Amino acid sequence: MVLSRGEFCCLDTIEHQPEAYRLAAGIHADREALLTAKVASVVVRPALFLNDRPVSVKLLEDVRLRITSRDHSGIATSTEVPEFKLFEDRESVHEFRVPGRLARLDVVLTAKVKSLSVGAPIDLSAVQSFNLNQIDRTDRIEDLHLAKFGPDYAVGVARPDRGGPAGPAGEPGAQAPGLQGAVHVSLKTDPRGRVVLGPLADVVSVQAAGPRARTTRGRCRSTGIRTGRCSTPPRTSR
């Protein structure tokens, strides 16, 4: 390339990038709301990029949202929402009824964008998958849950078929500031299937191993004890 101004000229180079579009989307479904025969919501927040630079989602055409559910027998059912509305300043929400024996949920956002360089539409897509109720695929129908009842924390062995805690002993471990490593103890659950741990003052983390052959762990981060929030294993979806 030759740049000129008046009688002055010089050579320079330019990197001409192809017209490359990319569709990204944050897709969220609340696992706690995915209950059989109940109405749940899928939240979608899209973003469109041209050569890794954000551009307006108004360039998208023929936007569709497809929700595919698969049960434990591998039977798939799909629902497609044509002309799915997307917004620049807020999320898009679609409600659907949760099928029975749900094991996997696939949410696909598809759209087209017109390419000025080739003069034809380009197909774009963004996908998010959710694995659910994996405990139903095993011979174990119980799992550990860390909860707070009043000022005290408790670890309970919950069985989804009964809806309440029931089970034998657990092995909680706790870690506090100033201690080298965690403190491990073996405790037996009460008639309600719980191990009451107390207020856990100055404790920054708790983890517990489940009963019987299979080991299940739940963990609270350092801020979880103080705020009452805890993280659960990804395979726990009830």
Protein backbone atom coordinates (compact mmCIF):
# COMPACT_ATOMS: atom_id res chain seq x y z
CA MET A 1 0.00 0.00 0.00
CA VAL A 2 1.27 3.47 -0.93
CA LEU A 3 0.44 6.45 1.28
CA SER A 4 0.83 9.88 -0.29
CA ARG A 5 0.36 13.46 0.72
CA GLY A 6 1.35 16.13 -1.74
CA GLU A 7 4.72 15.18 -3.17
CA PHE A 8 5.56 12.81 -0.28
CA CYS A 9 4.90 9.04 -0.68
CA CYS A 10 5.76 6.01 1.41
CA LEU A 11 5.06 2.30 1.51
CA ASP A 12 3.06 0.71 4.33
CA THR A 13 1.28 -2.57 5.03
CA ILE A 14 -2.24 -3.34 6.19
CA GLU A 15 -3.56 -6.59 7.59
CA HIS A 16 -6.99 -7.17 6.07
CA GLN A 17 -8.87 -9.49 8.39
CA PRO A 18 -11.75 -11.67 7.13
CA GLU A 19 -15.28 -10.88 8.23
CA ALA A 20 -15.50 -13.38 11.09
CA TYR A 21 -18.56 -13.32 13.33
CA ARG A 22 -18.92 -15.18 16.62
CA LEU A 23 -22.03 -15.60 18.76
CA ALA A 24 -21.63 -16.07 22.51
CA ALA A 25 -24.37 -16.39 25.08
CA GLY A 26 -24.69 -16.78 28.80
CA ILE A 27 -27.46 -19.36 29.23
CA HIS A 28 -28.73 -20.14 32.71
CA ALA A 29 -31.36 -22.48 34.12
CA ASP A 30 -31.90 -22.71 37.87
CA ARG A 31 -31.37 -26.36 38.80
CA GLU A 32 -33.56 -26.01 41.87
CA ALA A 33 -36.47 -25.01 39.61
CA LEU A 34 -36.12 -27.99 37.25
CA LEU A 35 -38.80 -30.07 38.96
CA THR A 36 -41.00 -32.53 37.10
CA ALA A 37 -44.18 -30.98 35.63
CA LYS A 38 -43.24 -27.53 36.97
CA VAL A 39 -42.62 -24.42 34.89
CA ALA A 40 -38.96 -23.38 34.74
CA SER A 41 -37.16 -20.52 33.00
CA VAL A 42 -34.16 -20.33 30.70
CA VAL A 43 -32.31 -17.00 30.83
CA VAL A 44 -30.25 -15.96 27.80
CA ARG A 45 -27.82 -13.03 27.56
CA PRO A 46 -26.27 -12.88 24.07
CA ALA A 47 -23.17 -11.18 22.70
CA LEU A 48 -22.11 -10.83 19.07
CA PHE A 49 -18.49 -10.32 18.05
CA LEU A 50 -16.94 -9.29 14.74
CA ASN A 51 -13.25 -10.21 14.67
CA ASP A 52 -13.40 -10.42 18.49
CA ARG A 53 -14.87 -6.92 18.79
CA PRO A 54 -18.39 -6.57 20.25
CA VAL A 55 -21.09 -5.42 17.84
CA SER A 56 -24.84 -4.97 18.19
CA VAL A 57 -27.04 -8.06 18.44
CA LYS A 58 -29.53 -6.20 16.23
CA LEU A 59 -27.47 -7.51 13.31
CA LEU A 60 -28.78 -11.01 14.04
CA GLU A 61 -31.60 -12.42 11.94
CA ASP A 62 -33.81 -15.51 12.21
CA VAL A 63 -33.04 -15.95 15.91
CA ARG A 64 -34.26 -19.25 17.34
CA LEU A 65 -34.05 -20.93 20.73
CA ARG A 66 -34.13 -24.73 20.83
CA ILE A 67 -34.51 -26.67 24.08
CA THR A 68 -33.84 -30.41 23.96
CA SER A 69 -34.55 -32.58 27.00
CA ARG A 70 -33.32 -36.15 27.36
CA ASP A 71 -34.61 -38.59 29.97
CA HIS A 72 -32.84 -41.51 31.64
CA SER A 73 -33.94 -43.83 28.82
CA GLY A 74 -32.20 -41.64 26.24
CA ILE A 75 -35.48 -40.39 24.72
CA ALA A 76 -35.09 -36.81 23.48
CA THR A 77 -37.80 -34.17 23.13
CA SER A 78 -37.18 -30.78 21.48
CA THR A 79 -39.00 -27.48 21.56
CA GLU A 80 -38.07 -24.59 19.26
CA VAL A 81 -38.96 -20.95 19.78
CA PRO A 82 -38.89 -19.02 16.48
CA GLU A 83 -38.24 -15.28 16.36
CA PHE A 84 -36.72 -15.35 19.83
CA LYS A 85 -36.28 -11.76 20.97
CA LEU A 86 -32.83 -10.59 22.04
CA PHE A 87 -31.98 -7.35 23.81
CA GLU A 88 -28.91 -5.19 24.21
CA ASP A 89 -29.54 -4.14 27.80
CA ARG A 90 -31.18 -7.12 29.45
CA GLU A 91 -31.64 -10.87 29.38
CA SER A 92 -34.20 -12.80 27.37
CA VAL A 93 -36.35 -15.28 29.29
CA HIS A 94 -38.28 -18.30 28.05
CA GLU A 95 -40.48 -20.50 30.25
CA PHE A 96 -41.04 -24.19 29.65
CA ARG A 97 -42.57 -27.14 31.45
CA VAL A 98 -40.05 -29.63 32.87
CA PRO A 99 -40.53 -33.20 31.62
CA GLY A 100 -40.31 -36.24 33.85
CA ARG A 101 -37.12 -38.24 34.52
CA LEU A 102 -35.02 -35.42 33.14
CA ALA A 103 -31.34 -36.35 32.79
CA ARG A 104 -29.94 -33.74 30.39
CA LEU A 105 -31.04 -30.36 29.09
CA ASP A 106 -29.46 -28.82 25.97
CA VAL A 107 -30.20 -25.18 25.14
CA VAL A 108 -29.13 -23.94 21.70
CA LEU A 109 -29.36 -20.36 20.48
CA THR A 110 -29.11 -20.08 16.68
CA ALA A 111 -29.13 -17.03 14.43
CA LYS A 112 -27.96 -15.70 11.07
CA VAL A 113 -25.95 -12.61 10.26
CA LYS A 114 -25.45 -11.14 6.80
CA SER A 115 -21.86 -11.06 5.64
CA LEU A 116 -21.03 -7.96 3.61
CA SER A 117 -17.91 -9.56 2.12
CA VAL A 118 -19.61 -12.62 0.62
CA GLY A 119 -23.15 -11.25 0.40
CA ALA A 120 -24.71 -14.29 2.08
CA PRO A 121 -25.98 -15.08 5.59
CA ILE A 122 -23.72 -16.87 8.07
CA ASP A 123 -25.10 -19.41 10.55
CA LEU A 124 -24.14 -18.83 14.19
CA SER A 125 -24.93 -20.75 17.36
CA ALA A 126 -24.28 -20.90 21.10
CA VAL A 127 -24.88 -24.01 23.21
CA GLN A 128 -25.23 -24.73 26.93
CA SER A 129 -25.88 -28.17 28.43
CA PHE A 130 -27.06 -29.16 31.90
CA ASN A 131 -26.66 -32.67 33.35
CA LEU A 132 -29.34 -33.37 35.94
CA ASN A 133 -30.43 -36.03 38.41
CA GLN A 134 -27.35 -38.15 37.79
CA ILE A 135 -27.84 -39.82 41.15
CA ASP A 136 -30.85 -41.61 39.65
CA ARG A 137 -28.51 -43.50 37.30
CA THR A 138 -26.76 -45.20 40.23
CA ASP A 139 -27.79 -47.66 42.92
CA ARG A 140 -27.23 -44.96 45.54
CA ILE A 141 -30.30 -42.90 46.36
CA GLU A 142 -28.81 -40.67 49.03
CA ASP A 143 -26.42 -37.76 49.25
CA LEU A 144 -25.04 -35.28 51.75
CA HIS A 145 -26.38 -31.78 52.23
CA LEU A 146 -24.92 -29.00 54.37
CA ALA A 147 -27.58 -26.68 55.75
CA LYS A 148 -28.07 -24.10 58.48
CA PHE A 149 -30.86 -24.43 61.02
CA GLY A 150 -31.02 -21.31 63.16
CA PRO A 151 -27.52 -20.60 64.50
CA ASP A 152 -26.28 -24.16 63.92
CA TYR A 153 -24.96 -25.95 60.86
CA ALA A 154 -25.84 -29.56 60.15
CA VAL A 155 -24.87 -32.22 57.64
CA GLY A 156 -27.75 -34.46 56.63
CA VAL A 157 -28.02 -37.64 54.58
CA ALA A 158 -30.98 -36.98 52.28
CA ARG A 159 -32.84 -39.54 50.22
CA PRO A 160 -34.74 -38.16 47.20
CA ASP A 161 -37.31 -40.96 47.22
CA ARG A 162 -38.37 -39.99 50.73
CA GLY A 163 -37.75 -36.28 50.51
CA GLY A 164 -36.15 -36.19 53.92
CA PRO A 165 -32.94 -37.16 55.66
CA ALA A 166 -32.23 -40.72 56.66
CA GLY A 167 -28.99 -42.59 57.01
CA PRO A 168 -26.05 -43.79 59.05
CA ALA A 169 -22.92 -42.07 60.22
CA GLY A 170 -20.93 -39.43 58.35
CA GLU A 171 -17.31 -38.30 58.63
CA PRO A 172 -17.14 -34.48 58.70
CA GLY A 173 -13.86 -32.61 58.69
CA ALA A 174 -13.31 -28.95 59.62
CA GLN A 175 -10.54 -26.41 59.15
CA ALA A 176 -10.04 -23.22 61.15
CA PRO A 177 -7.46 -20.37 61.07
CA GLY A 178 -4.27 -21.25 62.91
CA LEU A 179 -4.66 -25.00 62.48
CA GLN A 180 -2.25 -27.01 60.37
CA GLY A 181 -4.58 -29.16 58.29
CA ALA A 182 -8.12 -30.23 59.01
CA VAL A 183 -9.65 -31.93 62.03
CA HIS A 184 -11.36 -35.23 61.13
CA VAL A 185 -13.96 -36.95 63.28
CA SER A 186 -16.48 -39.75 62.76
CA LEU A 187 -19.99 -38.94 63.92
CA LYS A 188 -23.32 -40.77 63.90
CA THR A 189 -26.47 -39.12 62.63
CA ASP A 190 -29.44 -38.52 64.89
CA PRO A 191 -32.90 -40.04 64.21
CA ARG A 192 -33.53 -37.30 61.63
CA GLY A 193 -30.45 -38.32 59.69
CA ARG A 194 -28.42 -35.23 60.66
CA VAL A 195 -25.11 -34.45 62.31
CA VAL A 196 -25.42 -31.13 64.11
CA LEU A 197 -22.10 -29.27 63.87
CA GLY A 198 -23.02 -26.20 65.93
CA PRO A 199 -22.38 -22.55 64.93
CA LEU A 200 -18.85 -23.33 63.57
CA ALA A 201 -17.33 -20.14 64.93
CA ASP A 202 -13.98 -19.28 63.25
CA VAL A 203 -14.29 -22.30 60.93
CA VAL A 204 -13.44 -21.45 57.32
CA SER A 205 -14.31 -24.72 55.58
CA VAL A 206 -16.21 -27.95 56.16
CA GLN A 207 -16.29 -31.12 54.10
CA ALA A 208 -17.97 -34.43 54.80
CA ALA A 209 -17.62 -37.94 53.41
CA GLY A 210 -20.83 -39.84 52.87
CA PRO A 211 -21.67 -43.24 54.28
CA ARG A 212 -21.18 -46.67 52.73
CA ALA A 213 -18.97 -47.49 49.79
CA ARG A 214 -19.55 -44.38 47.72
CA THR A 215 -18.01 -41.16 48.96
CA THR A 216 -19.84 -37.85 48.52
CA ARG A 217 -18.38 -34.51 49.49
CA GLY A 218 -19.88 -31.11 50.13
CA ARG A 219 -17.74 -28.07 50.84
CA CYS A 220 -18.26 -24.57 52.15
CA ARG A 221 -15.74 -21.93 51.13
CA SER A 222 -14.17 -19.54 53.60
CA THR A 223 -16.91 -16.94 53.08
CA GLY A 224 -19.64 -19.57 53.05
CA ILE A 225 -19.70 -20.12 56.79
CA ARG A 226 -20.05 -16.42 57.55
CA THR A 227 -22.69 -15.75 54.90
CA GLY A 228 -24.62 -18.97 55.17
CA ARG A 229 -23.81 -19.99 51.58
CA CYS A 230 -22.19 -23.23 50.53
CA SER A 231 -21.24 -25.00 47.33
CA THR A 232 -22.56 -28.43 46.38
CA PRO A 233 -21.11 -31.12 44.15
CA PRO A 234 -22.13 -30.72 40.47
CA ARG A 235 -23.72 -34.18 40.37
CA THR A 236 -26.18 -33.25 43.11
CA SER A 237 -29.17 -31.80 41.27
CA ARG A 238 -32.19 -32.34 43.45
